[in-house]
Amino acid sequence: MARRITYKYNNQAKEINFAYDVYHDMYEAVAAEEGIDLKQYLAMEQQIAMTSKGSAAVRDFRAKEFTRFGFSDIYFVKDDPDTEQ
């Protein structure tokens, strides 16, 4: 099932398609859409995951870095089953 992601990049609202067979998560998808290279980010995220207890540190790092990249309000779009026919 295809999904959609809505996000803001530099205060401009956008919406894209998303599939797990193409991207690991929605953050990689929006970065790819905007042409942002995540090599250094992913290396740092991996180091934080290995050295921290729990996932709170990784989530905090992700939120701060994507805000620094210019992203905000990154969400999956929920389909309303009542409107589909």
PDB file of N, CA and C in Angstrom:
ATOM      1  N   MET A   1       0.831  -1.171   0.000  1.00  0.00           N
ATOM      2  CA  MET A   1       0.000   0.000   0.000  1.00  0.00           C
ATOM      3  C   MET A   1       0.884   1.245   0.000  1.00  0.00           C
ATOM      4  N   ALA A   2       0.661   2.125  -0.933  1.00  0.00           N
ATOM      5  CA  ALA A   2       1.408   3.370  -1.006  1.00  0.00           C
ATOM      6  C   ALA A   2       0.909   4.333   0.062  1.00  0.00           C
ATOM      7  N   ARG A   3       1.822   5.106   0.574  1.00  0.00           N
ATOM      8  CA  ARG A   3       1.477   6.094   1.585  1.00  0.00           C
ATOM      9  C   ARG A   3       1.879   7.466   1.067  1.00  0.00           C
ATOM     10  N   ARG A   4       1.439   8.481   1.766  1.00  0.00           N
ATOM     11  CA  ARG A   4       1.796   9.848   1.424  1.00  0.00           C
ATOM     12  C   ARG A   4       2.368  10.522   2.667  1.00  0.00           C
ATOM     13  N   ILE A   5       3.300  11.432   2.433  1.00  0.00           N
ATOM     14  CA  ILE A   5       3.915  12.202   3.507  1.00  0.00           C
ATOM     15  C   ILE A   5       3.654  13.673   3.224  1.00  0.00           C
ATOM     16  N   THR A   6       3.292  14.390   4.252  1.00  0.00           N
ATOM     17  CA  THR A   6       3.176  15.842   4.148  1.00  0.00           C
ATOM     18  C   THR A   6       4.255  16.448   5.041  1.00  0.00           C
ATOM     19  N   TYR A   7       4.851  17.538   4.573  1.00  0.00           N
ATOM     20  CA  TYR A   7       5.903  18.192   5.337  1.00  0.00           C
ATOM     21  C   TYR A   7       6.058  19.630   4.867  1.00  0.00           C
ATOM     22  N   LYS A   8       6.793  20.388   5.630  1.00  0.00           N
ATOM     23  CA  LYS A   8       7.144  21.750   5.237  1.00  0.00           C
ATOM     24  C   LYS A   8       8.656  21.813   5.095  1.00  0.00           C
ATOM     25  N   TYR A   9       9.102  22.397   3.999  1.00  0.00           N
ATOM     26  CA  TYR A   9      10.526  22.613   3.776  1.00  0.00           C
ATOM     27  C   TYR A   9      10.713  24.098   3.522  1.00  0.00           C
ATOM     28  N   ASN A  10      11.453  24.746   4.397  1.00  0.00           N
ATOM     29  CA  ASN A  10      11.628  26.201   4.350  1.00  0.00           C
ATOM     30  C   ASN A  10      10.274  26.906   4.295  1.00  0.00           C
ATOM     31  N   ASN A  11       9.370  26.468   5.163  1.00  0.00           N
ATOM     32  CA  ASN A  11       8.012  27.026   5.320  1.00  0.00           C
ATOM     33  C   ASN A  11       7.129  26.884   4.094  1.00  0.00           C
ATOM     34  N   GLN A  12       7.476  25.981   3.184  1.00  0.00           N
ATOM     35  CA  GLN A  12       6.633  25.707   2.023  1.00  0.00           C
ATOM     36  C   GLN A  12       6.061  24.295   2.180  1.00  0.00           C
ATOM     37  N   ALA A  13       4.732  24.191   2.233  1.00  0.00           N
ATOM     38  CA  ALA A  13       4.078  22.893   2.418  1.00  0.00           C
ATOM     39  C   ALA A  13       4.206  22.042   1.161  1.00  0.00           C
ATOM     40  N   LYS A  14       4.512  20.747   1.370  1.00  0.00           N
ATOM     41  CA  LYS A  14       4.672  19.805   0.256  1.00  0.00           C
ATOM     42  C   LYS A  14       4.089  18.460   0.652  1.00  0.00           C
ATOM     43  N   GLU A  15       3.809  17.641  -0.350  1.00  0.00           N
ATOM     44  CA  GLU A  15       3.290  16.296  -0.117  1.00  0.00           C
ATOM     45  C   GLU A  15       3.910  15.374  -1.164  1.00  0.00           C
ATOM     46  N   ILE A  16       4.388  14.193  -0.709  1.00  0.00           N
ATOM     47  CA  ILE A  16       5.034  13.244  -1.617  1.00  0.00           C
ATOM     48  C   ILE A  16       4.515  11.835  -1.345  1.00  0.00           C
ATOM     49  N   ASN A  17       4.763  10.941  -2.299  1.00  0.00           N
ATOM     50  CA  ASN A  17       4.463   9.519  -2.117  1.00  0.00           C
ATOM     51  C   ASN A  17       5.593   8.873  -1.344  1.00  0.00           C
ATOM     52  N   PHE A  18       5.272   7.792  -0.633  1.00  0.00           N
ATOM     53  CA  PHE A  18       6.254   7.081   0.174  1.00  0.00           C
ATOM     54  C   PHE A  18       6.005   5.588   0.084  1.00  0.00           C
ATOM     55  N   ALA A  19       7.100   4.832  -0.017  1.00  0.00           N
ATOM     56  CA  ALA A  19       7.017   3.370   0.007  1.00  0.00           C
ATOM     57  C   ALA A  19       8.212   2.831   0.795  1.00  0.00           C
ATOM     58  N   TYR A  20       7.963   1.867   1.672  1.00  0.00           N
ATOM     59  CA  TYR A  20       9.033   1.302   2.490  1.00  0.00           C
ATOM     60  C   TYR A  20      10.059   0.529   1.664  1.00  0.00           C
ATOM     61  N   ASP A  21       9.709   0.072   0.476  1.00  0.00           N
ATOM     62  CA  ASP A  21      10.695  -0.650  -0.328  1.00  0.00           C
ATOM     63  C   ASP A  21      11.696   0.293  -0.985  1.00  0.00           C
ATOM     64  N   VAL A  22      11.430   1.592  -0.946  1.00  0.00           N
ATOM     65  CA  VAL A  22      12.342   2.578  -1.527  1.00  0.00           C
ATOM     66  C   VAL A  22      13.138   3.293  -0.428  1.00  0.00           C
ATOM     67  N   TYR A  23      12.475   3.656   0.673  1.00  0.00           N
ATOM     68  CA  TYR A  23      13.113   4.417   1.750  1.00  0.00           C
ATOM     69  C   TYR A  23      12.967   3.707   3.083  1.00  0.00           C
ATOM     70  N   HIS A  24      13.947   3.906   3.946  1.00  0.00           N
ATOM     71  CA  HIS A  24      13.940   3.307   5.281  1.00  0.00           C
ATOM     72  C   HIS A  24      12.887   3.939   6.170  1.00  0.00           C
ATOM     73  N   ASP A  25      12.760   5.260   6.103  1.00  0.00           N
ATOM     74  CA  ASP A  25      11.745   5.963   6.887  1.00  0.00           C
ATOM     75  C   ASP A  25      11.347   7.254   6.182  1.00  0.00           C
ATOM     76  N   MET A  26      10.384   7.959   6.749  1.00  0.00           N
ATOM     77  CA  MET A  26       9.869   9.154   6.088  1.00  0.00           C
ATOM     78  C   MET A  26      10.890  10.281   6.054  1.00  0.00           C
ATOM     79  N   TYR A  27      11.832  10.283   6.974  1.00  0.00           N
ATOM     80  CA  TYR A  27      12.852  11.318   6.986  1.00  0.00           C
ATOM     81  C   TYR A  27      13.798  11.179   5.797  1.00  0.00           C
ATOM     82  N   GLU A  28      14.182   9.955   5.474  1.00  0.00           N
ATOM     83  CA  GLU A  28      15.013   9.729   4.296  1.00  0.00           C
ATOM     84  C   GLU A  28      14.272  10.125   3.025  1.00  0.00           C
ATOM     85  N   ALA A  29      12.978   9.876   2.979  1.00  0.00           N
ATOM     86  CA  ALA A  29      12.183  10.201   1.798  1.00  0.00           C
ATOM     87  C   ALA A  29      12.122  11.702   1.554  1.00  0.00           C
ATOM     88  N   VAL A  30      11.862  12.484   2.594  1.00  0.00           N
ATOM     89  CA  VAL A  30      11.763  13.934   2.404  1.00  0.00           C
ATOM     90  C   VAL A  30      13.120  14.542   2.089  1.00  0.00           C
ATOM     91  N   ALA A  31      14.185  14.009   2.688  1.00  0.00           N
ATOM     92  CA  ALA A  31      15.528  14.506   2.375  1.00  0.00           C
ATOM     93  C   ALA A  31      15.885  14.203   0.928  1.00  0.00           C
ATOM     94  N   ALA A  32      15.547  13.012   0.451  1.00  0.00           N
ATOM     95  CA  ALA A  32      15.819  12.657  -0.942  1.00  0.00           C
ATOM     96  C   ALA A  32      15.034  13.550  -1.898  1.00  0.00           C
ATOM     97  N   GLU A  33      13.794  13.849  -1.551  1.00  0.00           N
ATOM     98  CA  GLU A  33      12.958  14.704  -2.387  1.00  0.00           C
ATOM     99  C   GLU A  33      13.558  16.104  -2.531  1.00  0.00           C
ATOM    100  N   GLU A  34      14.202  16.590  -1.465  1.00  0.00           N
ATOM    101  CA  GLU A  34      14.786  17.930  -1.492  1.00  0.00           C
ATOM    102  C   GLU A  34      16.262  17.928  -1.875  1.00  0.00           C
ATOM    103  N   GLY A  35      16.818  16.743  -2.159  1.00  0.00           N
ATOM    104  CA  GLY A  35      18.207  16.648  -2.613  1.00  0.00           C
ATOM    105  C   GLY A  35      19.241  16.822  -1.520  1.00  0.00           C
ATOM    106  N   ILE A  36      18.906  16.453  -0.305  1.00  0.00           N
ATOM    107  CA  ILE A  36      19.827  16.589   0.824  1.00  0.00           C
ATOM    108  C   ILE A  36      20.579  15.285   1.037  1.00  0.00           C
ATOM    109  N   ASP A  37      21.909  15.365   1.111  1.00  0.00           N
ATOM    110  CA  ASP A  37      22.758  14.194   1.333  1.00  0.00           C
ATOM    111  C   ASP A  37      22.781  13.875   2.826  1.00  0.00           C
ATOM    112  N   LEU A  38      22.403  12.664   3.189  1.00  0.00           N
ATOM    113  CA  LEU A  38      22.298  12.274   4.594  1.00  0.00           C
ATOM    114  C   LEU A  38      23.443  11.388   5.076  1.00  0.00           C
ATOM    115  N   LYS A  39      24.534  11.269   4.341  1.00  0.00           N
ATOM    116  CA  LYS A  39      25.615  10.357   4.734  1.00  0.00           C
ATOM    117  C   LYS A  39      26.166  10.690   6.120  1.00  0.00           C
ATOM    118  N   GLN A  40      26.515  11.946   6.349  1.00  0.00           N
ATOM    119  CA  GLN A  40      27.070  12.327   7.653  1.00  0.00           C
ATOM    120  C   GLN A  40      26.010  12.222   8.750  1.00  0.00           C
ATOM    121  N   TYR A  41      24.793  12.606   8.429  1.00  0.00           N
ATOM    122  CA  TYR A  41      23.701  12.512   9.403  1.00  0.00           C
ATOM    123  C   TYR A  41      23.486  11.059   9.827  1.00  0.00           C
ATOM    124  N   LEU A  42      23.423  10.138   8.868  1.00  0.00           N
ATOM    125  CA  LEU A  42      23.177   8.730   9.185  1.00  0.00           C
ATOM    126  C   LEU A  42      24.315   8.124   9.998  1.00  0.00           C
ATOM    127  N   ALA A  43      25.565   8.530   9.712  1.00  0.00           N
ATOM    128  CA  ALA A  43      26.703   8.040  10.486  1.00  0.00           C
ATOM    129  C   ALA A  43      26.605   8.515  11.938  1.00  0.00           C
ATOM    130  N   MET A  44      26.254   9.773  12.138  1.00  0.00           N
ATOM    131  CA  MET A  44      26.119  10.309  13.490  1.00  0.00           C
ATOM    132  C   MET A  44      24.938   9.674  14.212  1.00  0.00           C
ATOM    133  N   GLU A  45      23.826   9.476  13.511  1.00  0.00           N
ATOM    134  CA  GLU A  45      22.660   8.830  14.110  1.00  0.00           C
ATOM    135  C   GLU A  45      23.007   7.417  14.581  1.00  0.00           C
ATOM    136  N   GLN A  46      23.787   6.710  13.790  1.00  0.00           N
ATOM    137  CA  GLN A  46      24.202   5.358  14.164  1.00  0.00           C
ATOM    138  C   GLN A  46      25.087   5.387  15.408  1.00  0.00           C
ATOM    139  N   GLN A  47      26.000   6.347  15.495  1.00  0.00           N
ATOM    140  CA  GLN A  47      26.857   6.464  16.677  1.00  0.00           C
ATOM    141  C   GLN A  47      26.034   6.773  17.922  1.00  0.00           C
ATOM    142  N   ILE A  48      25.058   7.652  17.784  1.00  0.00           N
ATOM    143  CA  ILE A  48      24.203   7.988  18.926  1.00  0.00           C
ATOM    144  C   ILE A  48      23.408   6.767  19.362  1.00  0.00           C
ATOM    145  N   ALA A  49      22.893   6.007  18.409  1.00  0.00           N
ATOM    146  CA  ALA A  49      22.119   4.807  18.730  1.00  0.00           C
ATOM    147  C   ALA A  49      22.977   3.776  19.462  1.00  0.00           C
ATOM    148  N   MET A  50      24.242   3.656  19.091  1.00  0.00           N
ATOM    149  CA  MET A  50      25.115   2.666  19.725  1.00  0.00           C
ATOM    150  C   MET A  50      25.543   3.080  21.128  1.00  0.00           C
ATOM    151  N   THR A  51      25.627   4.388  21.385  1.00  0.00           N
ATOM    152  CA  THR A  51      26.148   4.842  22.677  1.00  0.00           C
ATOM    153  C   THR A  51      25.074   5.239  23.676  1.00  0.00           C
ATOM    154  N   SER A  52      23.833   5.384  23.243  1.00  0.00           N
ATOM    155  CA  SER A  52      22.788   5.830  24.165  1.00  0.00           C
ATOM    156  C   SER A  52      21.914   4.671  24.602  1.00  0.00           C
ATOM    157  N   LYS A  53      21.281   4.867  25.728  1.00  0.00           N
ATOM    158  CA  LYS A  53      20.334   3.878  26.233  1.00  0.00           C
ATOM    159  C   LYS A  53      18.947   4.310  25.796  1.00  0.00           C
ATOM    160  N   GLY A  54      18.273   3.496  25.030  1.00  0.00           N
ATOM    161  CA  GLY A  54      16.944   3.836  24.550  1.00  0.00           C
ATOM    162  C   GLY A  54      17.003   4.660  23.272  1.00  0.00           C
ATOM    163  N   SER A  55      15.833   4.988  22.767  1.00  0.00           N
ATOM    164  CA  SER A  55      15.769   5.677  21.487  1.00  0.00           C
ATOM    165  C   SER A  55      15.471   7.169  21.616  1.00  0.00           C
ATOM    166  N   ALA A  56      15.331   7.676  22.829  1.00  0.00           N
ATOM    167  CA  ALA A  56      15.010   9.094  23.016  1.00  0.00           C
ATOM    168  C   ALA A  56      16.114   9.993  22.469  1.00  0.00           C
ATOM    169  N   ALA A  57      17.366   9.612  22.651  1.00  0.00           N
ATOM    170  CA  ALA A  57      18.480  10.430  22.160  1.00  0.00           C
ATOM    171  C   ALA A  57      18.479  10.485  20.636  1.00  0.00           C
ATOM    172  N   VAL A  58      18.161   9.373  19.995  1.00  0.00           N
ATOM    173  CA  VAL A  58      18.114   9.335  18.530  1.00  0.00           C
ATOM    174  C   VAL A  58      16.970  10.201  18.021  1.00  0.00           C
ATOM    175  N   ARG A  59      15.804  10.104  18.651  1.00  0.00           N
ATOM    176  CA  ARG A  59      14.663  10.933  18.245  1.00  0.00           C
ATOM    177  C   ARG A  59      14.964  12.416  18.417  1.00  0.00           C
ATOM    178  N   ASP A  60      15.606  12.775  19.514  1.00  0.00           N
ATOM    179  CA  ASP A  60      15.955  14.172  19.765  1.00  0.00           C
ATOM    180  C   ASP A  60      16.954  14.673  18.721  1.00  0.00           C
ATOM    181  N   PHE A  61      17.964  13.860  18.430  1.00  0.00           N
ATOM    182  CA  PHE A  61      18.949  14.228  17.413  1.00  0.00           C
ATOM    183  C   PHE A  61      18.274  14.404  16.058  1.00  0.00           C
ATOM    184  N   ARG A  62      17.402  13.466  15.682  1.00  0.00           N
ATOM    185  CA  ARG A  62      16.704  13.526  14.405  1.00  0.00           C
ATOM    186  C   ARG A  62      15.868  14.804  14.301  1.00  0.00           C
ATOM    187  N   ALA A  63      15.128  15.108  15.350  1.00  0.00           N
ATOM    188  CA  ALA A  63      14.271  16.305  15.335  1.00  0.00           C
ATOM    189  C   ALA A  63      15.104  17.577  15.177  1.00  0.00           C
ATOM    190  N   LYS A  64      16.187  17.679  15.906  1.00  0.00           N
ATOM    191  CA  LYS A  64      17.025  18.879  15.820  1.00  0.00           C
ATOM    192  C   LYS A  64      17.710  19.007  14.471  1.00  0.00           C
ATOM    193  N   GLU A  65      18.211  17.911  13.941  1.00  0.00           N
ATOM    194  CA  GLU A  65      18.906  17.973  12.654  1.00  0.00           C
ATOM    195  C   GLU A  65      17.963  18.306  11.505  1.00  0.00           C
ATOM    196  N   PHE A  66      16.778  17.708  11.496  1.00  0.00           N
ATOM    197  CA  PHE A  66      15.852  17.998  10.403  1.00  0.00           C
ATOM    198  C   PHE A  66      15.291  19.409  10.507  1.00  0.00           C
ATOM    199  N   THR A  67      15.196  19.952  11.714  1.00  0.00           N
ATOM    200  CA  THR A  67      14.841  21.361  11.862  1.00  0.00           C
ATOM    201  C   THR A  67      15.966  22.233  11.312  1.00  0.00           C
ATOM    202  N   ARG A  68      17.194  21.842  11.576  1.00  0.00           N
ATOM    203  CA  ARG A  68      18.348  22.581  11.056  1.00  0.00           C
ATOM    204  C   ARG A  68      18.399  22.517   9.526  1.00  0.00           C
ATOM    205  N   PHE A  69      18.004  21.390   8.954  1.00  0.00           N
ATOM    206  CA  PHE A  69      17.956  21.252   7.488  1.00  0.00           C
ATOM    207  C   PHE A  69      16.864  22.116   6.866  1.00  0.00           C
ATOM    208  N   GLY A  70      15.883  22.546   7.659  1.00  0.00           N
ATOM    209  CA  GLY A  70      14.799  23.378   7.149  1.00  0.00           C
ATOM    210  C   GLY A  70      13.446  22.691   7.092  1.00  0.00           C
ATOM    211  N   PHE A  71      13.341  21.488   7.669  1.00  0.00           N
ATOM    212  CA  PHE A  71      12.095  20.732   7.650  1.00  0.00           C
ATOM    213  C   PHE A  71      11.278  20.993   8.903  1.00  0.00           C
ATOM    214  N   SER A  72       9.961  20.872   8.761  1.00  0.00           N
ATOM    215  CA  SER A  72       9.064  20.895   9.912  1.00  0.00           C
ATOM    216  C   SER A  72       7.793  20.150   9.539  1.00  0.00           C
ATOM    217  N   ASP A  73       7.032  19.796  10.539  1.00  0.00           N
ATOM    218  CA  ASP A  73       5.721  19.154  10.358  1.00  0.00           C
ATOM    219  C   ASP A  73       5.756  17.966   9.401  1.00  0.00           C
ATOM    220  N   ILE A  74       6.624  17.000   9.664  1.00  0.00           N
ATOM    221  CA  ILE A  74       6.738  15.806   8.825  1.00  0.00           C
ATOM    222  C   ILE A  74       5.788  14.751   9.379  1.00  0.00           C
ATOM    223  N   TYR A  75       4.791  14.380   8.566  1.00  0.00           N
ATOM    224  CA  TYR A  75       3.780  13.416   9.013  1.00  0.00           C
ATOM    225  C   TYR A  75       3.339  12.519   7.864  1.00  0.00           C
ATOM    226  N   PHE A  76       2.891  11.300   8.222  1.00  0.00           N
ATOM    227  CA  PHE A  76       2.190  10.462   7.257  1.00  0.00           C
ATOM    228  C   PHE A  76       0.779  11.006   7.107  1.00  0.00           C
ATOM    229  N   VAL A  77       0.253  10.989   5.907  1.00  0.00           N
ATOM    230  CA  VAL A  77      -1.122  11.401   5.655  1.00  0.00           C
ATOM    231  C   VAL A  77      -2.004  10.193   5.905  1.00  0.00           C
ATOM    232  N   LYS A  78      -2.998  10.362   6.768  1.00  0.00           N
ATOM    233  CA  LYS A  78      -3.923   9.273   7.046  1.00  0.00           C
ATOM    234  C   LYS A  78      -5.038   9.307   6.016  1.00  0.00           C
ATOM    235  N   ASP A  79      -5.249   8.170   5.388  1.00  0.00           N
ATOM    236  CA  ASP A  79      -6.337   8.061   4.417  1.00  0.00           C
ATOM    237  C   ASP A  79      -7.644   7.883   5.166  1.00  0.00           C
ATOM    238  N   ASP A  80      -8.671   8.559   4.711  1.00  0.00           N
ATOM    239  CA  ASP A  80      -9.996   8.416   5.301  1.00  0.00           C
ATOM    240  C   ASP A  80     -10.748   7.346   4.524  1.00  0.00           C
ATOM    241  N   PRO A  81     -10.990   6.185   5.105  1.00  0.00           N
ATOM    242  CA  PRO A  81     -11.624   5.099   4.367  1.00  0.00           C
ATOM    243  C   PRO A  81     -13.047   5.430   3.909  1.00  0.00           C
ATOM    244  N   ASP A  82     -13.688   6.402   4.527  1.00  0.00           N
ATOM    245  CA  ASP A  82     -15.041   6.779   4.118  1.00  0.00           C
ATOM    246  C   ASP A  82     -15.065   7.516   2.772  1.00  0.00           C
ATOM    247  N   THR A  83     -13.948   8.165   2.412  1.00  0.00           N
ATOM    248  CA  THR A  83     -13.911   8.929   1.171  1.00  0.00           C
ATOM    249  C   THR A  83     -13.465   8.091  -0.017  1.00  0.00           C
ATOM    250  N   GLU A  84     -12.890   6.914   0.225  1.00  0.00           N
ATOM    251  CA  GLU A  84     -12.424   6.048  -0.870  1.00  0.00           C
ATOM    252  C   GLU A  84     -13.571   5.186  -1.388  1.00  0.00           C
ATOM    253  N   GLN A  85     -13.614   5.021  -2.714  1.00  0.00           N
ATOM    254  CA  GLN A  85     -14.614   4.140  -3.289  1.00  0.00           C
ATOM    255  C   GLN A  85     -14.090   3.413  -4.467  1.00  0.00           C
TER     256      GLN A  85
END
